Amino acid sequence: MRFQFDERKSARLRANPKRGIGFEEAQEMFSHPYYLDQRSDLPEQCRAIGWVSAQLYTLIFEMREDKEGEYYRFVTLWRTTREEQKLYEQNT
C-alpha cells in the first residue's frame, strides 16, 4: 500500500490540538482492522475509521493511480466522533 499527502498540511494537522497527529502517523491505521466506506463520488473519496496509537481517528482519502499502480492520497483527518465510533464498533 502506498500513501501520498501534503507535508505542510500534515504539519498543520499535527499542531492542531483537536487532531494531534499528522498524515505520517495516520498510516498506522491501515495496519489494524479499520472500517471503510465511500464518502463522495466526485472526486471519489473514502472514509477510513481506525486506530492510531490508542485513539480512534477518521481519515478521508482518495484512491488514485499512477504508472506504479494504486495509491492513497490523504485529504484530511480528525478524532473520531461518537457516531463514527459506533459505526466502527458495529462493523469491525
PDB file of N, CA and C in Angstrom:
ATOM      1  N   MET A   1       0.843  -1.173   0.000  1.00  0.00           N
ATOM      2  CA  MET A   1       0.000   0.000   0.000  1.00  0.00           C
ATOM      3  C   MET A   1       0.896   1.246   0.000  1.00  0.00           C
ATOM      4  N   ARG A   2       0.606   2.159  -0.926  1.00  0.00           N
ATOM      5  CA  ARG A   2       1.385   3.404  -0.994  1.00  0.00           C
ATOM      6  C   ARG A   2       0.499   4.568  -0.555  1.00  0.00           C
ATOM      7  N   PHE A   3       1.131   5.556   0.067  1.00  0.00           N
ATOM      8  CA  PHE A   3       0.421   6.734   0.561  1.00  0.00           C
ATOM      9  C   PHE A   3       1.096   7.988   0.041  1.00  0.00           C
ATOM     10  N   GLN A   4       0.284   9.034  -0.164  1.00  0.00           N
ATOM     11  CA  GLN A   4       0.805  10.333  -0.574  1.00  0.00           C
ATOM     12  C   GLN A   4      -0.002  11.405   0.157  1.00  0.00           C
ATOM     13  N   PHE A   5       0.670  12.501   0.525  1.00  0.00           N
ATOM     14  CA  PHE A   5      -0.002  13.580   1.238  1.00  0.00           C
ATOM     15  C   PHE A   5       0.845  14.835   1.171  1.00  0.00           C
ATOM     16  N   ASP A   6       0.214  15.946   1.489  1.00  0.00           N
ATOM     17  CA  ASP A   6       0.873  17.249   1.556  1.00  0.00           C
ATOM     18  C   ASP A   6       1.555  17.362   2.923  1.00  0.00           C
ATOM     19  N   GLU A   7       2.862  17.469   2.934  1.00  0.00           N
ATOM     20  CA  GLU A   7       3.620  17.512   4.190  1.00  0.00           C
ATOM     21  C   GLU A   7       3.313  18.757   5.010  1.00  0.00           C
ATOM     22  N   ARG A   8       3.057  19.885   4.353  1.00  0.00           N
ATOM     23  CA  ARG A   8       2.710  21.114   5.092  1.00  0.00           C
ATOM     24  C   ARG A   8       1.360  20.969   5.790  1.00  0.00           C
ATOM     25  N   LYS A   9       0.398  20.378   5.093  1.00  0.00           N
ATOM     26  CA  LYS A   9      -0.910  20.154   5.701  1.00  0.00           C
ATOM     27  C   LYS A   9      -0.783  19.175   6.865  1.00  0.00           C
ATOM     28  N   SER A  10       0.037  18.167   6.715  1.00  0.00           N
ATOM     29  CA  SER A  10       0.268  17.203   7.786  1.00  0.00           C
ATOM     30  C   SER A  10       0.818  17.889   9.030  1.00  0.00           C
ATOM     31  N   ALA A  11       1.747  18.805   8.846  1.00  0.00           N
ATOM     32  CA  ALA A  11       2.318  19.544   9.976  1.00  0.00           C
ATOM     33  C   ALA A  11       1.257  20.412  10.654  1.00  0.00           C
ATOM     34  N   ARG A  12       0.375  21.031   9.859  1.00  0.00           N
ATOM     35  CA  ARG A  12      -0.705  21.840  10.443  1.00  0.00           C
ATOM     36  C   ARG A  12      -1.674  20.969  11.244  1.00  0.00           C
ATOM     37  N   LEU A  13      -1.996  19.793  10.728  1.00  0.00           N
ATOM     38  CA  LEU A  13      -2.882  18.883  11.441  1.00  0.00           C
ATOM     39  C   LEU A  13      -2.256  18.448  12.761  1.00  0.00           C
ATOM     40  N   ARG A  14      -0.969  18.136  12.737  1.00  0.00           N
ATOM     41  CA  ARG A  14      -0.258  17.692  13.938  1.00  0.00           C
ATOM     42  C   ARG A  14      -0.237  18.796  14.995  1.00  0.00           C
ATOM     43  N   ALA A  15      -0.118  20.046  14.576  1.00  0.00           N
ATOM     44  CA  ALA A  15      -0.071  21.179  15.500  1.00  0.00           C
ATOM     45  C   ALA A  15      -1.444  21.530  16.074  1.00  0.00           C
ATOM     46  N   ASN A  16      -2.508  21.059  15.448  1.00  0.00           N
ATOM     47  CA  ASN A  16      -3.861  21.355  15.891  1.00  0.00           C
ATOM     48  C   ASN A  16      -4.228  20.422  17.054  1.00  0.00           C
ATOM     49  N   PRO A  17      -4.500  20.962  18.251  1.00  0.00           N
ATOM     50  CA  PRO A  17      -4.797  20.110  19.401  1.00  0.00           C
ATOM     51  C   PRO A  17      -6.050  19.243  19.232  1.00  0.00           C
ATOM     52  N   LYS A  18      -6.955  19.621  18.339  1.00  0.00           N
ATOM     53  CA  LYS A  18      -8.152  18.813  18.099  1.00  0.00           C
ATOM     54  C   LYS A  18      -7.841  17.587  17.243  1.00  0.00           C
ATOM     55  N   ARG A  19      -6.692  17.588  16.595  1.00  0.00           N
ATOM     56  CA  ARG A  19      -6.313  16.445  15.768  1.00  0.00           C
ATOM     57  C   ARG A  19      -5.137  15.703  16.402  1.00  0.00           C
ATOM     58  N   GLY A  20      -4.046  16.382  16.626  1.00  0.00           N
ATOM     59  CA  GLY A  20      -2.943  15.807  17.396  1.00  0.00           C
ATOM     60  C   GLY A  20      -1.992  14.889  16.650  1.00  0.00           C
ATOM     61  N   ILE A  21      -2.313  14.527  15.419  1.00  0.00           N
ATOM     62  CA  ILE A  21      -1.399  13.701  14.621  1.00  0.00           C
ATOM     63  C   ILE A  21      -1.370  14.241  13.201  1.00  0.00           C
ATOM     64  N   GLY A  22      -0.363  13.828  12.460  1.00  0.00           N
ATOM     65  CA  GLY A  22      -0.271  14.171  11.051  1.00  0.00           C
ATOM     66  C   GLY A  22      -0.517  12.935  10.200  1.00  0.00           C
ATOM     67  N   PHE A  23      -0.391  13.120   8.904  1.00  0.00           N
ATOM     68  CA  PHE A  23      -0.623  12.010   7.975  1.00  0.00           C
ATOM     69  C   PHE A  23       0.415  10.897   8.140  1.00  0.00           C
ATOM     70  N   GLU A  24       1.628  11.257   8.559  1.00  0.00           N
ATOM     71  CA  GLU A  24       2.657  10.231   8.754  1.00  0.00           C
ATOM     72  C   GLU A  24       2.185   9.194   9.776  1.00  0.00           C
ATOM     73  N   GLU A  25       1.639   9.679  10.904  1.00  0.00           N
ATOM     74  CA  GLU A  25       1.150   8.776  11.938  1.00  0.00           C
ATOM     75  C   GLU A  25      -0.119   8.048  11.495  1.00  0.00           C
ATOM     76  N   ALA A  26      -0.949   8.708  10.708  1.00  0.00           N
ATOM     77  CA  ALA A  26      -2.225   8.127  10.278  1.00  0.00           C
ATOM     78  C   ALA A  26      -2.050   6.870   9.435  1.00  0.00           C
ATOM     79  N   GLN A  27      -0.907   6.692   8.835  1.00  0.00           N
ATOM     80  CA  GLN A  27      -0.658   5.491   8.035  1.00  0.00           C
ATOM     81  C   GLN A  27      -0.789   4.222   8.881  1.00  0.00           C
ATOM     82  N   GLU A  28      -0.551   4.341  10.178  1.00  0.00           N
ATOM     83  CA  GLU A  28      -0.666   3.197  11.095  1.00  0.00           C
ATOM     84  C   GLU A  28      -2.058   2.576  11.041  1.00  0.00           C
ATOM     85  N   MET A  29      -3.071   3.380  10.749  1.00  0.00           N
ATOM     86  CA  MET A  29      -4.451   2.914  10.715  1.00  0.00           C
ATOM     87  C   MET A  29      -4.613   1.677   9.832  1.00  0.00           C
ATOM     88  N   PHE A  30      -3.865   1.617   8.758  1.00  0.00           N
ATOM     89  CA  PHE A  30      -4.024   0.534   7.788  1.00  0.00           C
ATOM     90  C   PHE A  30      -3.317  -0.758   8.196  1.00  0.00           C
ATOM     91  N   SER A  31      -2.653  -0.753   9.340  1.00  0.00           N
ATOM     92  CA  SER A  31      -2.030  -1.979   9.834  1.00  0.00           C
ATOM     93  C   SER A  31      -2.879  -2.640  10.921  1.00  0.00           C
ATOM     94  N   HIS A  32      -4.063  -2.102  11.184  1.00  0.00           N
ATOM     95  CA  HIS A  32      -5.019  -2.639  12.155  1.00  0.00           C
ATOM     96  C   HIS A  32      -6.368  -2.782  11.453  1.00  0.00           C
ATOM     97  N   PRO A  33      -7.316  -3.493  12.064  1.00  0.00           N
ATOM     98  CA  PRO A  33      -8.664  -3.519  11.480  1.00  0.00           C
ATOM     99  C   PRO A  33      -9.237  -2.099  11.410  1.00  0.00           C
ATOM    100  N   TYR A  34      -9.870  -1.773  10.299  1.00  0.00           N
ATOM    101  CA  TYR A  34     -10.468  -0.451  10.129  1.00  0.00           C
ATOM    102  C   TYR A  34     -11.766  -0.574   9.353  1.00  0.00           C
ATOM    103  N   TYR A  35     -12.631   0.417   9.523  1.00  0.00           N
ATOM    104  CA  TYR A  35     -13.892   0.495   8.802  1.00  0.00           C
ATOM    105  C   TYR A  35     -13.680   1.393   7.586  1.00  0.00           C
ATOM    106  N   LEU A  36     -14.237   1.001   6.449  1.00  0.00           N
ATOM    107  CA  LEU A  36     -14.052   1.758   5.216  1.00  0.00           C
ATOM    108  C   LEU A  36     -15.386   1.930   4.519  1.00  0.00           C
ATOM    109  N   ASP A  37     -15.672   3.147   4.075  1.00  0.00           N
ATOM    110  CA  ASP A  37     -16.832   3.395   3.228  1.00  0.00           C
ATOM    111  C   ASP A  37     -16.522   4.528   2.269  1.00  0.00           C
ATOM    112  N   GLN A  38     -17.430   4.733   1.316  1.00  0.00           N
ATOM    113  CA  GLN A  38     -17.230   5.794   0.330  1.00  0.00           C
ATOM    114  C   GLN A  38     -17.913   7.053   0.828  1.00  0.00           C
ATOM    115  N   ARG A  39     -17.186   8.156   0.787  1.00  0.00           N
ATOM    116  CA  ARG A  39     -17.710   9.424   1.299  1.00  0.00           C
ATOM    117  C   ARG A  39     -18.382  10.241   0.204  1.00  0.00           C
ATOM    118  N   SER A  40     -17.788  10.292  -0.975  1.00  0.00           N
ATOM    119  CA  SER A  40     -18.365  11.072  -2.073  1.00  0.00           C
ATOM    120  C   SER A  40     -17.952  10.473  -3.406  1.00  0.00           C
ATOM    121  N   ASP A  41     -18.674  10.865  -4.457  1.00  0.00           N
ATOM    122  CA  ASP A  41     -18.394  10.343  -5.788  1.00  0.00           C
ATOM    123  C   ASP A  41     -17.433  11.212  -6.586  1.00  0.00           C
ATOM    124  N   LEU A  42     -17.586  12.519  -6.514  1.00  0.00           N
ATOM    125  CA  LEU A  42     -16.767  13.418  -7.323  1.00  0.00           C
ATOM    126  C   LEU A  42     -16.092  14.463  -6.454  1.00  0.00           C
ATOM    127  N   PRO A  43     -14.835  14.404  -6.195  1.00  0.00           N
ATOM    128  CA  PRO A  43     -13.987  13.275  -6.548  1.00  0.00           C
ATOM    129  C   PRO A  43     -14.298  12.096  -5.636  1.00  0.00           C
ATOM    130  N   GLU A  44     -13.967  10.910  -6.092  1.00  0.00           N
ATOM    131  CA  GLU A  44     -14.226   9.720  -5.290  1.00  0.00           C
ATOM    132  C   GLU A  44     -13.347   9.753  -4.041  1.00  0.00           C
ATOM    133  N   GLN A  45     -13.996   9.868  -2.903  1.00  0.00           N
ATOM    134  CA  GLN A  45     -13.280   9.901  -1.631  1.00  0.00           C
ATOM    135  C   GLN A  45     -13.811   8.810  -0.720  1.00  0.00           C
ATOM    136  N   CYS A  46     -12.909   8.259   0.081  1.00  0.00           N
ATOM    137  CA  CYS A  46     -13.263   7.221   1.032  1.00  0.00           C
ATOM    138  C   CYS A  46     -12.995   7.709   2.442  1.00  0.00           C
ATOM    139  N   ARG A  47     -13.713   7.097   3.373  1.00  0.00           N
ATOM    140  CA  ARG A  47     -13.522   7.395   4.786  1.00  0.00           C
ATOM    141  C   ARG A  47     -13.064   6.104   5.455  1.00  0.00           C
ATOM    142  N   ALA A  48     -11.961   6.199   6.185  1.00  0.00           N
ATOM    143  CA  ALA A  48     -11.478   5.074   6.984  1.00  0.00           C
ATOM    144  C   ALA A  48     -11.532   5.489   8.446  1.00  0.00           C
ATOM    145  N   ILE A  49     -12.017   4.583   9.278  1.00  0.00           N
ATOM    146  CA  ILE A  49     -12.066   4.814  10.722  1.00  0.00           C
ATOM    147  C   ILE A  49     -11.245   3.717  11.367  1.00  0.00           C
ATOM    148  N   GLY A  50     -10.230   4.107  12.132  1.00  0.00           N
ATOM    149  CA  GLY A  50      -9.390   3.101  12.746  1.00  0.00           C
ATOM    150  C   GLY A  50      -8.465   3.678  13.795  1.00  0.00           C
ATOM    151  N   TRP A  51      -7.667   2.791  14.355  1.00  0.00           N
ATOM    152  CA  TRP A  51      -6.793   3.143  15.477  1.00  0.00           C
ATOM    153  C   TRP A  51      -5.456   3.682  15.017  1.00  0.00           C
ATOM    154  N   VAL A  52      -5.040   4.746  15.672  1.00  0.00           N
ATOM    155  CA  VAL A  52      -3.689   5.291  15.563  1.00  0.00           C
ATOM    156  C   VAL A  52      -3.242   5.499  17.004  1.00  0.00           C
ATOM    157  N   SER A  53      -2.200   4.786  17.396  1.00  0.00           N
ATOM    158  CA  SER A  53      -1.795   4.737  18.803  1.00  0.00           C
ATOM    159  C   SER A  53      -2.986   4.233  19.604  1.00  0.00           C
ATOM    160  N   ALA A  54      -3.440   4.960  20.584  1.00  0.00           N
ATOM    161  CA  ALA A  54      -4.547   4.497  21.428  1.00  0.00           C
ATOM    162  C   ALA A  54      -5.808   5.310  21.192  1.00  0.00           C
ATOM    163  N   GLN A  55      -5.945   5.902  20.012  1.00  0.00           N
ATOM    164  CA  GLN A  55      -7.070   6.794  19.721  1.00  0.00           C
ATOM    165  C   GLN A  55      -7.687   6.421  18.372  1.00  0.00           C
ATOM    166  N   LEU A  56      -9.017   6.455  18.281  1.00  0.00           N
ATOM    167  CA  LEU A  56      -9.696   6.247  17.003  1.00  0.00           C
ATOM    168  C   LEU A  56      -9.683   7.547  16.210  1.00  0.00           C
ATOM    169  N   TYR A  57      -9.350   7.439  14.924  1.00  0.00           N
ATOM    170  CA  TYR A  57      -9.335   8.589  14.022  1.00  0.00           C
ATOM    171  C   TYR A  57     -10.134   8.270  12.770  1.00  0.00           C
ATOM    172  N   THR A  58     -10.601   9.328  12.130  1.00  0.00           N
ATOM    173  CA  THR A  58     -11.259   9.241  10.846  1.00  0.00           C
ATOM    174  C   THR A  58     -10.359   9.911   9.814  1.00  0.00           C
ATOM    175  N   LEU A  59     -10.108   9.212   8.722  1.00  0.00           N
ATOM    176  CA  LEU A  59      -9.225   9.700   7.666  1.00  0.00           C
ATOM    177  C   LEU A  59      -9.992   9.732   6.354  1.00  0.00           C
ATOM    178  N   ILE A  60      -9.945  10.852   5.667  1.00  0.00           N
ATOM    179  CA  ILE A  60     -10.542  10.985   4.339  1.00  0.00           C
ATOM    180  C   ILE A  60      -9.405  10.904   3.325  1.00  0.00           C
ATOM    181  N   PHE A  61      -9.586  10.043   2.313  1.00  0.00           N
ATOM    182  CA  PHE A  61      -8.552   9.889   1.300  1.00  0.00           C
ATOM    183  C   PHE A  61      -9.168   9.582  -0.055  1.00  0.00           C
ATOM    184  N   GLU A  62      -8.376   9.786  -1.086  1.00  0.00           N
ATOM    185  CA  GLU A  62      -8.781   9.475  -2.453  1.00  0.00           C
ATOM    186  C   GLU A  62      -7.910   8.337  -2.965  1.00  0.00           C
ATOM    187  N   MET A  63      -8.511   7.394  -3.667  1.00  0.00           N
ATOM    188  CA  MET A  63      -7.748   6.340  -4.319  1.00  0.00           C
ATOM    189  C   MET A  63      -7.338   6.861  -5.688  1.00  0.00           C
ATOM    190  N   ARG A  64      -6.058   6.877  -5.939  1.00  0.00           N
ATOM    191  CA  ARG A  64      -5.541   7.371  -7.212  1.00  0.00           C
ATOM    192  C   ARG A  64      -4.626   6.323  -7.824  1.00  0.00           C
ATOM    193  N   GLU A  65      -4.263   6.569  -9.062  1.00  0.00           N
ATOM    194  CA  GLU A  65      -3.395   5.627  -9.763  1.00  0.00           C
ATOM    195  C   GLU A  65      -2.368   6.385 -10.581  1.00  0.00           C
ATOM    196  N   ASP A  66      -1.149   5.845 -10.629  1.00  0.00           N
ATOM    197  CA  ASP A  66      -0.105   6.382 -11.478  1.00  0.00           C
ATOM    198  C   ASP A  66       0.587   5.208 -12.167  1.00  0.00           C
ATOM    199  N   LYS A  67       1.713   5.447 -12.789  1.00  0.00           N
ATOM    200  CA  LYS A  67       2.387   4.381 -13.542  1.00  0.00           C
ATOM    201  C   LYS A  67       2.846   3.224 -12.657  1.00  0.00           C
ATOM    202  N   GLU A  68       2.996   3.474 -11.352  1.00  0.00           N
ATOM    203  CA  GLU A  68       3.406   2.422 -10.423  1.00  0.00           C
ATOM    204  C   GLU A  68       2.220   1.665  -9.837  1.00  0.00           C
ATOM    205  N   GLY A  69       1.015   2.138 -10.082  1.00  0.00           N
ATOM    206  CA  GLY A  69      -0.176   1.480  -9.570  1.00  0.00           C
ATOM    207  C   GLY A  69      -0.995   2.374  -8.661  1.00  0.00           C
ATOM    208  N   GLU A  70      -1.832   1.744  -7.859  1.00  0.00           N
ATOM    209  CA  GLU A  70      -2.751   2.474  -6.995  1.00  0.00           C
ATOM    210  C   GLU A  70      -2.046   3.004  -5.744  1.00  0.00           C
ATOM    211  N   TYR A  71      -2.508   4.172  -5.293  1.00  0.00           N
ATOM    212  CA  TYR A  71      -2.024   4.735  -4.033  1.00  0.00           C
ATOM    213  C   TYR A  71      -3.144   5.536  -3.384  1.00  0.00           C
ATOM    214  N   TYR A  72      -3.000   5.796  -2.089  1.00  0.00           N
ATOM    215  CA  TYR A  72      -3.974   6.566  -1.339  1.00  0.00           C
ATOM    216  C   TYR A  72      -3.434   7.977  -1.128  1.00  0.00           C
ATOM    217  N   ARG A  73      -4.203   8.975  -1.537  1.00  0.00           N
ATOM    218  CA  ARG A  73      -3.859  10.384  -1.340  1.00  0.00           C
ATOM    219  C   ARG A  73      -4.688  10.898  -0.167  1.00  0.00           C
ATOM    220  N   PHE A  74      -4.027  11.205   0.955  1.00  0.00           N
ATOM    221  CA  PHE A  74      -4.713  11.655   2.161  1.00  0.00           C
ATOM    222  C   PHE A  74      -5.206  13.090   1.991  1.00  0.00           C
ATOM    223  N   VAL A  75      -6.444  13.333   2.417  1.00  0.00           N
ATOM    224  CA  VAL A  75      -7.077  14.644   2.285  1.00  0.00           C
ATOM    225  C   VAL A  75      -7.140  15.350   3.641  1.00  0.00           C
ATOM    226  N   THR A  76      -7.717  14.687   4.647  1.00  0.00           N
ATOM    227  CA  THR A  76      -7.812  15.260   5.987  1.00  0.00           C
ATOM    228  C   THR A  76      -8.084  14.165   6.999  1.00  0.00           C
ATOM    229  N   LEU A  77      -7.986  14.516   8.267  1.00  0.00           N
ATOM    230  CA  LEU A  77      -8.273  13.565   9.332  1.00  0.00           C
ATOM    231  C   LEU A  77      -8.715  14.303  10.580  1.00  0.00           C
ATOM    232  N   TRP A  78      -9.384  13.572  11.473  1.00  0.00           N
ATOM    233  CA  TRP A  78      -9.820  14.128  12.755  1.00  0.00           C
ATOM    234  C   TRP A  78     -10.047  12.978  13.722  1.00  0.00           C
ATOM    235  N   ARG A  79     -10.144  13.349  15.017  1.00  0.00           N
ATOM    236  CA  ARG A  79     -10.508  12.348  16.025  1.00  0.00           C
ATOM    237  C   ARG A  79     -11.943  11.928  15.763  1.00  0.00           C
ATOM    238  N   THR A  80     -12.191  10.658  15.875  1.00  0.00           N
ATOM    239  CA  THR A  80     -13.491  10.086  15.549  1.00  0.00           C
ATOM    240  C   THR A  80     -14.594  10.647  16.455  1.00  0.00           C
ATOM    241  N   THR A  81     -15.728  10.947  15.844  1.00  0.00           N
ATOM    242  CA  THR A  81     -16.897  11.395  16.604  1.00  0.00           C
ATOM    243  C   THR A  81     -17.567  10.190  17.267  1.00  0.00           C
ATOM    244  N   ARG A  82     -18.490  10.436  18.174  1.00  0.00           N
ATOM    245  CA  ARG A  82     -19.216   9.330  18.824  1.00  0.00           C
ATOM    246  C   ARG A  82     -19.969   8.494  17.797  1.00  0.00           C
ATOM    247  N   GLU A  83     -20.587   9.161  16.845  1.00  0.00           N
ATOM    248  CA  GLU A  83     -21.326   8.451  15.797  1.00  0.00           C
ATOM    249  C   GLU A  83     -20.386   7.560  14.979  1.00  0.00           C
ATOM    250  N   GLU A  84     -19.221   8.087  14.627  1.00  0.00           N
ATOM    251  CA  GLU A  84     -18.248   7.301  13.860  1.00  0.00           C
ATOM    252  C   GLU A  84     -17.694   6.151  14.697  1.00  0.00           C
ATOM    253  N   GLN A  85     -17.519   6.380  15.997  1.00  0.00           N
ATOM    254  CA  GLN A  85     -17.042   5.312  16.879  1.00  0.00           C
ATOM    255  C   GLN A  85     -18.046   4.159  16.911  1.00  0.00           C
ATOM    256  N   LYS A  86     -19.336   4.477  16.992  1.00  0.00           N
ATOM    257  CA  LYS A  86     -20.373   3.436  16.966  1.00  0.00           C
ATOM    258  C   LYS A  86     -20.336   2.686  15.642  1.00  0.00           C
ATOM    259  N   LEU A  87     -20.171   3.409  14.552  1.00  0.00           N
ATOM    260  CA  LEU A  87     -20.087   2.796  13.225  1.00  0.00           C
ATOM    261  C   LEU A  87     -18.908   1.826  13.170  1.00  0.00           C
ATOM    262  N   TYR A  88     -17.777   2.233  13.692  1.00  0.00           N
ATOM    263  CA  TYR A  88     -16.591   1.368  13.743  1.00  0.00           C
ATOM    264  C   TYR A  88     -16.884   0.114  14.569  1.00  0.00           C
ATOM    265  N   GLU A  89     -17.456   0.295  15.746  1.00  0.00           N
ATOM    266  CA  GLU A  89     -17.725  -0.839  16.639  1.00  0.00           C
ATOM    267  C   GLU A  89     -18.724  -1.818  16.027  1.00  0.00           C
ATOM    268  N   GLN A  90     -19.693  -1.334  15.293  1.00  0.00           N
ATOM    269  CA  GLN A  90     -20.712  -2.198  14.686  1.00  0.00           C
ATOM    270  C   GLN A  90     -20.190  -2.949  13.459  1.00  0.00           C
ATOM    271  N   ASN A  91     -19.124  -2.462  12.847  1.00  0.00           N
ATOM    272  CA  ASN A  91     -18.686  -3.019  11.569  1.00  0.00           C
ATOM    273  C   ASN A  91     -17.301  -3.638  11.552  1.00  0.00           C
ATOM    274  N   THR A  92     -16.623  -3.708  12.692  1.00  0.00           N
ATOM    275  CA  THR A  92     -15.304  -4.353  12.695  1.00  0.00           C
ATOM    276  C   THR A  92     -15.277  -5.491  13.689  1.00  0.00           C
TER     277      THR A  92
END
